[in-house]
Each structure stands twice: as C-alpha cells, then as structure tokens.
Amino acid sequence: DIAKRATIHTLRHSFATHLLEGGCDIRTVQELLGHSSVETTMIYTHVA
C-alpha cells in the first residue's frame, strides 16, 4: 500500500540516498553506482 510511484530503478535511488544519509562519502557512492562523473552522483545529495 505504498502511495508513491516506485519502480525497480527507485531501488537504485534509495540505495544511494540511504548510503549518503548514513554518512557514506560521495566518491564511494559514485563507484558503487558506476557513475563516471561525481556530478551525476551529486544529484542524490539534494534528496539525502
């Protein structure tokens, strides 16, 4: 009964957001997500 739109890709976003909220550094999150640019990973910082 989750009211928000959620897809499999949402899990990727949640993973990154939870890592950042847990204090994981942005470079580690970048590597785990496979982003070539940290700017792409920085998108998650506004959510976290």
ModelCIF file with pLDDT and N, C-alpha, C, O atoms, coordinates in Angstrom:
data_MODEL
#
_entry.id   MODEL 
#
_entity.id                         1 
_entity.type                       polymer 
_entity.pdbx_number_of_molecules   1 
#
_entity_poly.entity_id                      1 
_entity_poly.type                           'polypeptide(L)' 
_entity_poly.nstd_linkage                   no 
_entity_poly.nstd_monomer                   no 
_entity_poly.pdbx_seq_one_letter_code       DIAKRATIHTLRHSFATHLLEGGCDIRTVQELLGHSSVETTMIYTHVA 
_entity_poly.pdbx_seq_one_letter_code_can   DIAKRATIHTLRHSFATHLLEGGCDIRTVQELLGHSSVETTMIYTHVA 
_entity_poly.pdbx_strand_id                 A 
#
loop_
_entity_poly_seq.entity_id 
_entity_poly_seq.num 
_entity_poly_seq.mon_id 
_entity_poly_seq.hetero 
1 1  ASP n 
1 2  ILE n 
1 3  ALA n 
1 4  LYS n 
1 5  ARG n 
1 6  ALA n 
1 7  THR n 
1 8  ILE n 
1 9  HIS n 
1 10 THR n 
1 11 LEU n 
1 12 ARG n 
1 13 HIS n 
1 14 SER n 
1 15 PHE n 
1 16 ALA n 
1 17 THR n 
1 18 HIS n 
1 19 LEU n 
1 20 LEU n 
1 21 GLU n 
1 22 GLY n 
1 23 GLY n 
1 24 CYS n 
1 25 ASP n 
1 26 ILE n 
1 27 ARG n 
1 28 THR n 
1 29 VAL n 
1 30 GLN n 
1 31 GLU n 
1 32 LEU n 
1 33 LEU n 
1 34 GLY n 
1 35 HIS n 
1 36 SER n 
1 37 SER n 
1 38 VAL n 
1 39 GLU n 
1 40 THR n 
1 41 THR n 
1 42 MET n 
1 43 ILE n 
1 44 TYR n 
1 45 THR n 
1 46 HIS n 
1 47 VAL n 
1 48 ALA n 
#
_struct_asym.id          A 
_struct_asym.entity_id   1 
#
loop_
_ma_qa_metric.id 
_ma_qa_metric.mode 
_ma_qa_metric.name 
_ma_qa_metric.software_group_id 
_ma_qa_metric.type 
1 global pLDDT . pLDDT 
2 local  pLDDT . pLDDT 
#
_ma_qa_metric_global.metric_id      1 
_ma_qa_metric_global.metric_value   86.42 
_ma_qa_metric_global.model_id       1 
_ma_qa_metric_global.ordinal_id     1 
#
loop_
_ma_qa_metric_local.label_asym_id 
_ma_qa_metric_local.label_comp_id 
_ma_qa_metric_local.label_seq_id 
_ma_qa_metric_local.metric_id 
_ma_qa_metric_local.metric_value 
_ma_qa_metric_local.model_id 
_ma_qa_metric_local.ordinal_id 
A ASP 1  2 95.00 1 1  
A ILE 2  2 93.00 1 2  
A ALA 3  2 93.00 1 3  
A LYS 4  2 91.00 1 4  
A ARG 5  2 91.00 1 5  
A ALA 6  2 92.00 1 6  
A THR 7  2 92.00 1 7  
A ILE 8  2 90.00 1 8  
A HIS 9  2 88.00 1 9  
A THR 10 2 89.00 1 10 
A LEU 11 2 90.00 1 11 
A ARG 12 2 87.00 1 12 
A HIS 13 2 87.00 1 13 
A SER 14 2 88.00 1 14 
A PHE 15 2 90.00 1 15 
A ALA 16 2 89.00 1 16 
A THR 17 2 87.00 1 17 
A HIS 18 2 87.00 1 18 
A LEU 19 2 89.00 1 19 
A LEU 20 2 86.00 1 20 
A GLU 21 2 83.00 1 21 
A GLY 22 2 83.00 1 22 
A GLY 23 2 84.00 1 23 
A CYS 24 2 88.00 1 24 
A ASP 25 2 89.00 1 25 
A ILE 26 2 90.00 1 26 
A ARG 27 2 92.00 1 27 
A THR 28 2 92.00 1 28 
A VAL 29 2 90.00 1 29 
A GLN 30 2 90.00 1 30 
A GLU 31 2 89.00 1 31 
A LEU 32 2 88.00 1 32 
A LEU 33 2 87.00 1 33 
A GLY 34 2 84.00 1 34 
A HIS 35 2 86.00 1 35 
A SER 36 2 84.00 1 36 
A SER 37 2 89.00 1 37 
A VAL 38 2 91.00 1 38 
A GLU 39 2 89.00 1 39 
A THR 40 2 86.00 1 40 
A THR 41 2 88.00 1 41 
A MET 42 2 86.00 1 42 
A ILE 43 2 82.00 1 43 
A TYR 44 2 76.00 1 44 
A THR 45 2 73.00 1 45 
A HIS 46 2 69.00 1 46 
A VAL 47 2 65.00 1 47 
A ALA 48 2 61.00 1 48 
#
loop_
_atom_site.group_PDB 
_atom_site.id 
_atom_site.type_symbol 
_atom_site.label_atom_id 
_atom_site.label_alt_id 
_atom_site.label_comp_id 
_atom_site.label_asym_id 
_atom_site.label_entity_id 
_atom_site.label_seq_id 
_atom_site.pdbx_PDB_ins_code 
_atom_site.Cartn_x 
_atom_site.Cartn_y 
_atom_site.Cartn_z 
_atom_site.occupancy 
_atom_site.B_iso_or_equiv 
_atom_site.pdbx_formal_charge 
_atom_site.auth_seq_id 
_atom_site.auth_comp_id 
_atom_site.auth_asym_id 
_atom_site.auth_atom_id 
_atom_site.pdbx_PDB_model_num 
ATOM 1   N N  . ASP A 1 1  ? 0.825  -1.211 0.000   1.00 95.00 ? 1  ASP A N  1 
ATOM 2   C CA . ASP A 1 1  ? 0.000  0.000  0.000   1.00 95.00 ? 1  ASP A CA 1 
ATOM 3   C C  . ASP A 1 1  ? 0.864  1.269  0.000   1.00 95.00 ? 1  ASP A C  1 
ATOM 4   O O  . ASP A 1 1  ? 0.585  2.226  0.722   1.00 95.00 ? 1  ASP A O  1 
ATOM 5   N N  . ILE A 1 2  ? 1.913  1.253  -0.822  1.00 93.00 ? 2  ILE A N  1 
ATOM 6   C CA . ILE A 1 2  ? 2.796  2.409  -0.965  1.00 93.00 ? 2  ILE A CA 1 
ATOM 7   C C  . ILE A 1 2  ? 2.159  3.362  -1.968  1.00 93.00 ? 2  ILE A C  1 
ATOM 8   O O  . ILE A 1 2  ? 1.879  2.984  -3.105  1.00 93.00 ? 2  ILE A O  1 
ATOM 9   N N  . ALA A 1 3  ? 1.934  4.586  -1.543  1.00 93.00 ? 3  ALA A N  1 
ATOM 10  C CA . ALA A 1 3  ? 1.220  5.554  -2.378  1.00 93.00 ? 3  ALA A CA 1 
ATOM 11  C C  . ALA A 1 3  ? 2.123  6.191  -3.441  1.00 93.00 ? 3  ALA A C  1 
ATOM 12  O O  . ALA A 1 3  ? 1.632  6.602  -4.493  1.00 93.00 ? 3  ALA A O  1 
ATOM 13  N N  . LYS A 1 4  ? 3.413  6.276  -3.187  1.00 91.00 ? 4  LYS A N  1 
ATOM 14  C CA . LYS A 1 4  ? 4.324  6.904  -4.145  1.00 91.00 ? 4  LYS A CA 1 
ATOM 15  C C  . LYS A 1 4  ? 4.610  5.970  -5.310  1.00 91.00 ? 4  LYS A C  1 
ATOM 16  O O  . LYS A 1 4  ? 4.562  4.747  -5.171  1.00 91.00 ? 4  LYS A O  1 
ATOM 17  N N  . ARG A 1 5  ? 4.908  6.564  -6.457  1.00 91.00 ? 5  ARG A N  1 
ATOM 18  C CA . ARG A 1 5  ? 5.313  5.788  -7.636  1.00 91.00 ? 5  ARG A CA 1 
ATOM 19  C C  . ARG A 1 5  ? 6.666  5.151  -7.338  1.00 91.00 ? 5  ARG A C  1 
ATOM 20  O O  . ARG A 1 5  ? 7.593  5.829  -6.895  1.00 91.00 ? 5  ARG A O  1 
ATOM 21  N N  . ALA A 1 6  ? 6.776  3.863  -7.579  1.00 92.00 ? 6  ALA A N  1 
ATOM 22  C CA . ALA A 1 6  ? 8.032  3.159  -7.325  1.00 92.00 ? 6  ALA A CA 1 
ATOM 23  C C  . ALA A 1 6  ? 8.268  2.126  -8.420  1.00 92.00 ? 6  ALA A C  1 
ATOM 24  O O  . ALA A 1 6  ? 7.362  1.387  -8.804  1.00 92.00 ? 6  ALA A O  1 
ATOM 25  N N  . THR A 1 7  ? 9.504  2.091  -8.913  1.00 92.00 ? 7  THR A N  1 
ATOM 26  C CA . THR A 1 7  ? 9.916  1.116  -9.915  1.00 92.00 ? 7  THR A CA 1 
ATOM 27  C C  . THR A 1 7  ? 11.189 0.446  -9.417  1.00 92.00 ? 7  THR A C  1 
ATOM 28  O O  . THR A 1 7  ? 11.735 0.819  -8.379  1.00 92.00 ? 7  THR A O  1 
ATOM 29  N N  . ILE A 1 8  ? 11.644 -0.527 -10.152 1.00 90.00 ? 8  ILE A N  1 
ATOM 30  C CA . ILE A 1 8  ? 12.914 -1.172 -9.800  1.00 90.00 ? 8  ILE A CA 1 
ATOM 31  C C  . ILE A 1 8  ? 14.023 -0.123 -9.728  1.00 90.00 ? 8  ILE A C  1 
ATOM 32  O O  . ILE A 1 8  ? 14.891 -0.189 -8.858  1.00 90.00 ? 8  ILE A O  1 
ATOM 33  N N  . HIS A 1 9  ? 13.991 0.830  -10.633 1.00 88.00 ? 9  HIS A N  1 
ATOM 34  C CA . HIS A 1 9  ? 15.024 1.872  -10.641 1.00 88.00 ? 9  HIS A CA 1 
ATOM 35  C C  . HIS A 1 9  ? 14.969 2.721  -9.368  1.00 88.00 ? 9  HIS A C  1 
ATOM 36  O O  . HIS A 1 9  ? 15.982 3.290  -8.961  1.00 88.00 ? 9  HIS A O  1 
ATOM 37  N N  . THR A 1 10 ? 13.804 2.809  -8.744  1.00 89.00 ? 10 THR A N  1 
ATOM 38  C CA . THR A 1 10 ? 13.663 3.528  -7.478  1.00 89.00 ? 10 THR A CA 1 
ATOM 39  C C  . THR A 1 10 ? 14.578 2.922  -6.422  1.00 89.00 ? 10 THR A C  1 
ATOM 40  O O  . THR A 1 10 ? 15.089 3.633  -5.556  1.00 89.00 ? 10 THR A O  1 
ATOM 41  N N  . LEU A 1 11 ? 14.786 1.611  -6.492  1.00 90.00 ? 11 LEU A N  1 
ATOM 42  C CA . LEU A 1 11 ? 15.675 0.949  -5.530  1.00 90.00 ? 11 LEU A CA 1 
ATOM 43  C C  . LEU A 1 11 ? 17.108 1.461  -5.648  1.00 90.00 ? 11 LEU A C  1 
ATOM 44  O O  . LEU A 1 11 ? 17.813 1.590  -4.647  1.00 90.00 ? 11 LEU A O  1 
ATOM 45  N N  . ARG A 1 12 ? 17.529 1.748  -6.864  1.00 87.00 ? 12 ARG A N  1 
ATOM 46  C CA . ARG A 1 12 ? 18.871 2.314  -7.087  1.00 87.00 ? 12 ARG A CA 1 
ATOM 47  C C  . ARG A 1 12 ? 18.978 3.677  -6.422  1.00 87.00 ? 12 ARG A C  1 
ATOM 48  O O  . ARG A 1 12 ? 19.976 3.978  -5.765  1.00 87.00 ? 12 ARG A O  1 
ATOM 49  N N  . HIS A 1 13 ? 17.951 4.501  -6.591  1.00 87.00 ? 13 HIS A N  1 
ATOM 50  C CA . HIS A 1 13 ? 17.941 5.832  -5.976  1.00 87.00 ? 13 HIS A CA 1 
ATOM 51  C C  . HIS A 1 13 ? 17.908 5.724  -4.454  1.00 87.00 ? 13 HIS A C  1 
ATOM 52  O O  . HIS A 1 13 ? 18.611 6.457  -3.758  1.00 87.00 ? 13 HIS A O  1 
ATOM 53  N N  . SER A 1 14 ? 17.087 4.806  -3.942  1.00 88.00 ? 14 SER A N  1 
ATOM 54  C CA . SER A 1 14 ? 17.003 4.609  -2.493  1.00 88.00 ? 14 SER A CA 1 
ATOM 55  C C  . SER A 1 14 ? 18.340 4.145  -1.925  1.00 88.00 ? 14 SER A C  1 
ATOM 56  O O  . SER A 1 14 ? 18.757 4.601  -0.861  1.00 88.00 ? 14 SER A O  1 
ATOM 57  N N  . PHE A 1 15 ? 19.005 3.247  -2.629  1.00 90.00 ? 15 PHE A N  1 
ATOM 58  C CA . PHE A 1 15 ? 20.306 2.744  -2.214  1.00 90.00 ? 15 PHE A CA 1 
ATOM 59  C C  . PHE A 1 15 ? 21.285 3.903  -2.037  1.00 90.00 ? 15 PHE A C  1 
ATOM 60  O O  . PHE A 1 15 ? 21.939 4.022  -1.000  1.00 90.00 ? 15 PHE A O  1 
ATOM 61  N N  . ALA A 1 16 ? 21.378 4.749  -3.051  1.00 89.00 ? 16 ALA A N  1 
ATOM 62  C CA . ALA A 1 16 ? 22.294 5.892  -2.998  1.00 89.00 ? 16 ALA A CA 1 
ATOM 63  C C  . ALA A 1 16 ? 21.911 6.857  -1.885  1.00 89.00 ? 16 ALA A C  1 
ATOM 64  O O  . ALA A 1 16 ? 22.772 7.322  -1.138  1.00 89.00 ? 16 ALA A O  1 
ATOM 65  N N  . THR A 1 17 ? 20.635 7.152  -1.776  1.00 87.00 ? 17 THR A N  1 
ATOM 66  C CA . THR A 1 17 ? 20.162 8.101  -0.770  1.00 87.00 ? 17 THR A CA 1 
ATOM 67  C C  . THR A 1 17 ? 20.461 7.587  0.642   1.00 87.00 ? 17 THR A C  1 
ATOM 68  O O  . THR A 1 17 ? 20.943 8.339  1.488   1.00 87.00 ? 17 THR A O  1 
ATOM 69  N N  . HIS A 1 18 ? 20.177 6.316  0.891   1.00 87.00 ? 18 HIS A N  1 
ATOM 70  C CA . HIS A 1 18 ? 20.439 5.750  2.223   1.00 87.00 ? 18 HIS A CA 1 
ATOM 71  C C  . HIS A 1 18 ? 21.929 5.723  2.548   1.00 87.00 ? 18 HIS A C  1 
ATOM 72  O O  . HIS A 1 18 ? 22.321 5.956  3.691   1.00 87.00 ? 18 HIS A O  1 
ATOM 73  N N  . LEU A 1 19 ? 22.755 5.442  1.548   1.00 89.00 ? 19 LEU A N  1 
ATOM 74  C CA . LEU A 1 19 ? 24.206 5.473  1.785   1.00 89.00 ? 19 LEU A CA 1 
ATOM 75  C C  . LEU A 1 19 ? 24.649 6.869  2.202   1.00 89.00 ? 19 LEU A C  1 
ATOM 76  O O  . LEU A 1 19 ? 25.399 7.030  3.165   1.00 89.00 ? 19 LEU A O  1 
ATOM 77  N N  . LEU A 1 20 ? 24.183 7.866  1.477   1.00 86.00 ? 20 LEU A N  1 
ATOM 78  C CA . LEU A 1 20 ? 24.561 9.249  1.792   1.00 86.00 ? 20 LEU A CA 1 
ATOM 79  C C  . LEU A 1 20 ? 24.020 9.672  3.160   1.00 86.00 ? 20 LEU A C  1 
ATOM 80  O O  . LEU A 1 20 ? 24.728 10.308 3.940   1.00 86.00 ? 20 LEU A O  1 
ATOM 81  N N  . GLU A 1 21 ? 22.778 9.321  3.445   1.00 83.00 ? 21 GLU A N  1 
ATOM 82  C CA . GLU A 1 21 ? 22.202 9.658  4.747   1.00 83.00 ? 21 GLU A CA 1 
ATOM 83  C C  . GLU A 1 21 ? 22.923 8.951  5.887   1.00 83.00 ? 21 GLU A C  1 
ATOM 84  O O  . GLU A 1 21 ? 22.955 9.445  7.014   1.00 83.00 ? 21 GLU A O  1 
ATOM 85  N N  . GLY A 1 22 ? 23.505 7.786  5.584   1.00 83.00 ? 22 GLY A N  1 
ATOM 86  C CA . GLY A 1 22 ? 24.260 7.030  6.584   1.00 83.00 ? 22 GLY A CA 1 
ATOM 87  C C  . GLY A 1 22 ? 25.683 7.508  6.751   1.00 83.00 ? 22 GLY A C  1 
ATOM 88  O O  . GLY A 1 22 ? 26.435 6.949  7.550   1.00 83.00 ? 22 GLY A O  1 
ATOM 89  N N  . GLY A 1 23 ? 26.070 8.541  6.002   1.00 84.00 ? 23 GLY A N  1 
ATOM 90  C CA . GLY A 1 23 ? 27.401 9.118  6.149   1.00 84.00 ? 23 GLY A CA 1 
ATOM 91  C C  . GLY A 1 23 ? 28.446 8.608  5.172   1.00 84.00 ? 23 GLY A C  1 
ATOM 92  O O  . GLY A 1 23 ? 29.625 8.936  5.308   1.00 84.00 ? 23 GLY A O  1 
ATOM 93  N N  . CYS A 1 24 ? 28.042 7.819  4.198   1.00 88.00 ? 24 CYS A N  1 
ATOM 94  C CA . CYS A 1 24 ? 28.989 7.314  3.199   1.00 88.00 ? 24 CYS A CA 1 
ATOM 95  C C  . CYS A 1 24 ? 29.466 8.471  2.328   1.00 88.00 ? 24 CYS A C  1 
ATOM 96  O O  . CYS A 1 24 ? 28.680 9.350  1.974   1.00 88.00 ? 24 CYS A O  1 
ATOM 97  N N  . ASP A 1 25 ? 30.738 8.472  1.985   1.00 89.00 ? 25 ASP A N  1 
ATOM 98  C CA . ASP A 1 25 ? 31.262 9.587  1.185   1.00 89.00 ? 25 ASP A CA 1 
ATOM 99  C C  . ASP A 1 25 ? 30.799 9.474  -0.265  1.00 89.00 ? 25 ASP A C  1 
ATOM 100 O O  . ASP A 1 25 ? 30.545 8.382  -0.772  1.00 89.00 ? 25 ASP A O  1 
ATOM 101 N N  . ILE A 1 26 ? 30.698 10.609 -0.905  1.00 90.00 ? 26 ILE A N  1 
ATOM 102 C CA . ILE A 1 26 ? 30.129 10.717 -2.250  1.00 90.00 ? 26 ILE A CA 1 
ATOM 103 C C  . ILE A 1 26 ? 30.931 9.921  -3.288  1.00 90.00 ? 26 ILE A C  1 
ATOM 104 O O  . ILE A 1 26 ? 30.348 9.387  -4.231  1.00 90.00 ? 26 ILE A O  1 
ATOM 105 N N  . ARG A 1 27 ? 32.251 9.834  -3.130  1.00 92.00 ? 27 ARG A N  1 
ATOM 106 C CA . ARG A 1 27 ? 33.090 9.091  -4.097  1.00 92.00 ? 27 ARG A CA 1 
ATOM 107 C C  . ARG A 1 27 ? 32.794 7.592  -4.033  1.00 92.00 ? 27 ARG A C  1 
ATOM 108 O O  . ARG A 1 27 ? 32.780 6.917  -5.062  1.00 92.00 ? 27 ARG A O  1 
ATOM 109 N N  . THR A 1 28 ? 32.557 7.072  -2.821  1.00 92.00 ? 28 THR A N  1 
ATOM 110 C CA . THR A 1 28 ? 32.221 5.648  -2.677  1.00 92.00 ? 28 THR A CA 1 
ATOM 111 C C  . THR A 1 28 ? 30.871 5.376  -3.329  1.00 92.00 ? 28 THR A C  1 
ATOM 112 O O  . THR A 1 28 ? 30.711 4.380  -4.034  1.00 92.00 ? 28 THR A O  1 
ATOM 113 N N  . VAL A 1 29 ? 29.905 6.250  -3.100  1.00 90.00 ? 29 VAL A N  1 
ATOM 114 C CA . VAL A 1 29 ? 28.584 6.098  -3.723  1.00 90.00 ? 29 VAL A CA 1 
ATOM 115 C C  . VAL A 1 29 ? 28.723 6.173  -5.240  1.00 90.00 ? 29 VAL A C  1 
ATOM 116 O O  . VAL A 1 29 ? 28.082 5.408  -5.960  1.00 90.00 ? 29 VAL A O  1 
ATOM 117 N N  . GLN A 1 30 ? 29.546 7.078  -5.723  1.00 90.00 ? 30 GLN A N  1 
ATOM 118 C CA . GLN A 1 30 ? 29.795 7.207  -7.163  1.00 90.00 ? 30 GLN A CA 1 
ATOM 119 C C  . GLN A 1 30 ? 30.285 5.872  -7.728  1.00 90.00 ? 30 GLN A C  1 
ATOM 120 O O  . GLN A 1 30 ? 29.792 5.414  -8.759  1.00 90.00 ? 30 GLN A O  1 
ATOM 121 N N  . GLU A 1 31 ? 31.245 5.255  -7.058  1.00 89.00 ? 31 GLU A N  1 
ATOM 122 C CA . GLU A 1 31 ? 31.816 3.999  -7.533  1.00 89.00 ? 31 GLU A CA 1 
ATOM 123 C C  . GLU A 1 31 ? 30.785 2.872  -7.489  1.00 89.00 ? 31 GLU A C  1 
ATOM 124 O O  . GLU A 1 31 ? 30.679 2.085  -8.429  1.00 89.00 ? 31 GLU A O  1 
ATOM 125 N N  . LEU A 1 32 ? 30.029 2.798  -6.396  1.00 88.00 ? 32 LEU A N  1 
ATOM 126 C CA . LEU A 1 32 ? 29.022 1.745  -6.266  1.00 88.00 ? 32 LEU A CA 1 
ATOM 127 C C  . LEU A 1 32 ? 27.929 1.859  -7.322  1.00 88.00 ? 32 LEU A C  1 
ATOM 128 O O  . LEU A 1 32 ? 27.394 0.845  -7.770  1.00 88.00 ? 32 LEU A O  1 
ATOM 129 N N  . LEU A 1 33 ? 27.596 3.072  -7.719  1.00 87.00 ? 33 LEU A N  1 
ATOM 130 C CA . LEU A 1 33 ? 26.571 3.282  -8.748  1.00 87.00 ? 33 LEU A CA 1 
ATOM 131 C C  . LEU A 1 33 ? 27.131 3.190  -10.162 1.00 87.00 ? 33 LEU A C  1 
ATOM 132 O O  . LEU A 1 33 ? 26.376 3.071  -11.127 1.00 87.00 ? 33 LEU A O  1 
ATOM 133 N N  . GLY A 1 34 ? 28.449 3.244  -10.283 1.00 84.00 ? 34 GLY A N  1 
ATOM 134 C CA . GLY A 1 34 ? 29.064 3.161  -11.603 1.00 84.00 ? 34 GLY A CA 1 
ATOM 135 C C  . GLY A 1 34 ? 29.015 4.457  -12.388 1.00 84.00 ? 34 GLY A C  1 
ATOM 136 O O  . GLY A 1 34 ? 29.090 4.447  -13.616 1.00 84.00 ? 34 GLY A O  1 
ATOM 137 N N  . HIS A 1 35 ? 28.890 5.577  -11.681 1.00 86.00 ? 35 HIS A N  1 
ATOM 138 C CA . HIS A 1 35 ? 28.888 6.879  -12.366 1.00 86.00 ? 35 HIS A CA 1 
ATOM 139 C C  . HIS A 1 35 ? 30.303 7.266  -12.756 1.00 86.00 ? 35 HIS A C  1 
ATOM 140 O O  . HIS A 1 35 ? 31.225 7.116  -11.954 1.00 86.00 ? 35 HIS A O  1 
ATOM 141 N N  . SER A 1 36 ? 30.492 7.757  -13.959 1.00 84.00 ? 36 SER A N  1 
ATOM 142 C CA . SER A 1 36 ? 31.822 8.199  -14.373 1.00 84.00 ? 36 SER A CA 1 
ATOM 143 C C  . SER A 1 36 ? 32.116 9.596  -13.828 1.00 84.00 ? 36 SER A C  1 
ATOM 144 O O  . SER A 1 36 ? 33.277 9.975  -13.676 1.00 84.00 ? 36 SER A O  1 
ATOM 145 N N  . SER A 1 37 ? 31.069 10.355 -13.535 1.00 89.00 ? 37 SER A N  1 
ATOM 146 C CA . SER A 1 37 ? 31.254 11.716 -13.040 1.00 89.00 ? 37 SER A CA 1 
ATOM 147 C C  . SER A 1 37 ? 30.587 11.870 -11.676 1.00 89.00 ? 37 SER A C  1 
ATOM 148 O O  . SER A 1 37 ? 29.455 11.428 -11.476 1.00 89.00 ? 37 SER A O  1 
ATOM 149 N N  . VAL A 1 38 ? 31.291 12.497 -10.746 1.00 91.00 ? 38 VAL A N  1 
ATOM 150 C CA . VAL A 1 38 ? 30.727 12.726 -9.410  1.00 91.00 ? 38 VAL A CA 1 
ATOM 151 C C  . VAL A 1 38 ? 29.541 13.685 -9.477  1.00 91.00 ? 38 VAL A C  1 
ATOM 152 O O  . VAL A 1 38 ? 28.680 13.670 -8.597  1.00 91.00 ? 38 VAL A O  1 
ATOM 153 N N  . GLU A 1 39 ? 29.493 14.514 -10.514 1.00 89.00 ? 39 GLU A N  1 
ATOM 154 C CA . GLU A 1 39 ? 28.360 15.431 -10.678 1.00 89.00 ? 39 GLU A CA 1 
ATOM 155 C C  . GLU A 1 39 ? 27.042 14.653 -10.808 1.00 89.00 ? 39 GLU A C  1 
ATOM 156 O O  . GLU A 1 39 ? 26.007 15.081 -10.297 1.00 89.00 ? 39 GLU A O  1 
ATOM 157 N N  . THR A 1 40 ? 27.093 13.523 -11.488 1.00 86.00 ? 40 THR A N  1 
ATOM 158 C CA . THR A 1 40 ? 25.901 12.691 -11.626 1.00 86.00 ? 40 THR A CA 1 
ATOM 159 C C  . THR A 1 40 ? 25.460 12.182 -10.252 1.00 86.00 ? 40 THR A C  1 
ATOM 160 O O  . THR A 1 40 ? 24.270 12.167 -9.939  1.00 86.00 ? 40 THR A O  1 
ATOM 161 N N  . THR A 1 41 ? 26.418 11.771 -9.450  1.00 88.00 ? 41 THR A N  1 
ATOM 162 C CA . THR A 1 41 ? 26.117 11.267 -8.105  1.00 88.00 ? 41 THR A CA 1 
ATOM 163 C C  . THR A 1 41 ? 25.598 12.375 -7.202  1.00 88.00 ? 41 THR A C  1 
ATOM 164 O O  . THR A 1 41 ? 24.793 12.122 -6.306  1.00 88.00 ? 41 THR A O  1 
ATOM 165 N N  . MET A 1 42 ? 26.056 13.600 -7.432  1.00 86.00 ? 42 MET A N  1 
ATOM 166 C CA . MET A 1 42 ? 25.655 14.731 -6.594  1.00 86.00 ? 42 MET A CA 1 
ATOM 167 C C  . MET A 1 42 ? 24.137 14.975 -6.642  1.00 86.00 ? 42 MET A C  1 
ATOM 168 O O  . MET A 1 42 ? 23.583 15.613 -5.747  1.00 86.00 ? 42 MET A O  1 
ATOM 169 N N  . ILE A 1 43 ? 23.478 14.474 -7.675  1.00 82.00 ? 43 ILE A N  1 
ATOM 170 C CA . ILE A 1 43 ? 22.026 14.607 -7.771  1.00 82.00 ? 43 ILE A CA 1 
ATOM 171 C C  . ILE A 1 43 ? 21.364 14.038 -6.518  1.00 82.00 ? 43 ILE A C  1 
ATOM 172 O O  . ILE A 1 43 ? 20.332 14.540 -6.071  1.00 82.00 ? 43 ILE A O  1 
ATOM 173 N N  . TYR A 1 44 ? 21.962 12.990 -5.957  1.00 76.00 ? 44 TYR A N  1 
ATOM 174 C CA . TYR A 1 44 ? 21.373 12.334 -4.797  1.00 76.00 ? 44 TYR A CA 1 
ATOM 175 C C  . TYR A 1 44 ? 21.536 13.143 -3.514  1.00 76.00 ? 44 TYR A C  1 
ATOM 176 O O  . TYR A 1 44 ? 20.820 12.900 -2.543  1.00 76.00 ? 44 TYR A O  1 
ATOM 177 N N  . THR A 1 45 ? 22.449 14.085 -3.492  1.00 73.00 ? 45 THR A N  1 
ATOM 178 C CA . THR A 1 45 ? 22.672 14.838 -2.253  1.00 73.00 ? 45 THR A CA 1 
ATOM 179 C C  . THR A 1 45 ? 21.494 15.733 -1.900  1.00 73.00 ? 45 THR A C  1 
ATOM 180 O O  . THR A 1 45 ? 21.253 15.990 -0.721  1.00 73.00 ? 45 THR A O  1 
ATOM 181 N N  . HIS A 1 46 ? 20.755 16.212 -2.897  1.00 69.00 ? 46 HIS A N  1 
ATOM 182 C CA . HIS A 1 46 ? 19.604 17.061 -2.573  1.00 69.00 ? 46 HIS A CA 1 
ATOM 183 C C  . HIS A 1 46 ? 18.450 16.247 -1.983  1.00 69.00 ? 46 HIS A C  1 
ATOM 184 O O  . HIS A 1 46 ? 17.607 16.783 -1.263  1.00 69.00 ? 46 HIS A O  1 
ATOM 185 N N  . VAL A 1 47 ? 18.421 14.955 -2.294  1.00 65.00 ? 47 VAL A N  1 
ATOM 186 C CA . VAL A 1 47 ? 17.377 14.078 -1.759  1.00 65.00 ? 47 VAL A CA 1 
ATOM 187 C C  . VAL A 1 47 ? 17.746 13.607 -0.352  1.00 65.00 ? 47 VAL A C  1 
ATOM 188 O O  . VAL A 1 47 ? 16.874 13.405 0.493   1.00 65.00 ? 47 VAL A O  1 
ATOM 189 N N  . ALA A 1 48 ? 19.031 13.437 -0.115  1.00 61.00 ? 48 ALA A N  1 
ATOM 190 C CA . ALA A 1 48 ? 19.503 12.876 1.156   1.00 61.00 ? 48 ALA A CA 1 
ATOM 191 C C  . ALA A 1 48 ? 19.592 13.954 2.229   1.00 61.00 ? 48 ALA A C  1 
ATOM 192 O O  . ALA A 1 48 ? 19.971 13.666 3.364   1.00 61.00 ? 48 ALA A O  1 
#
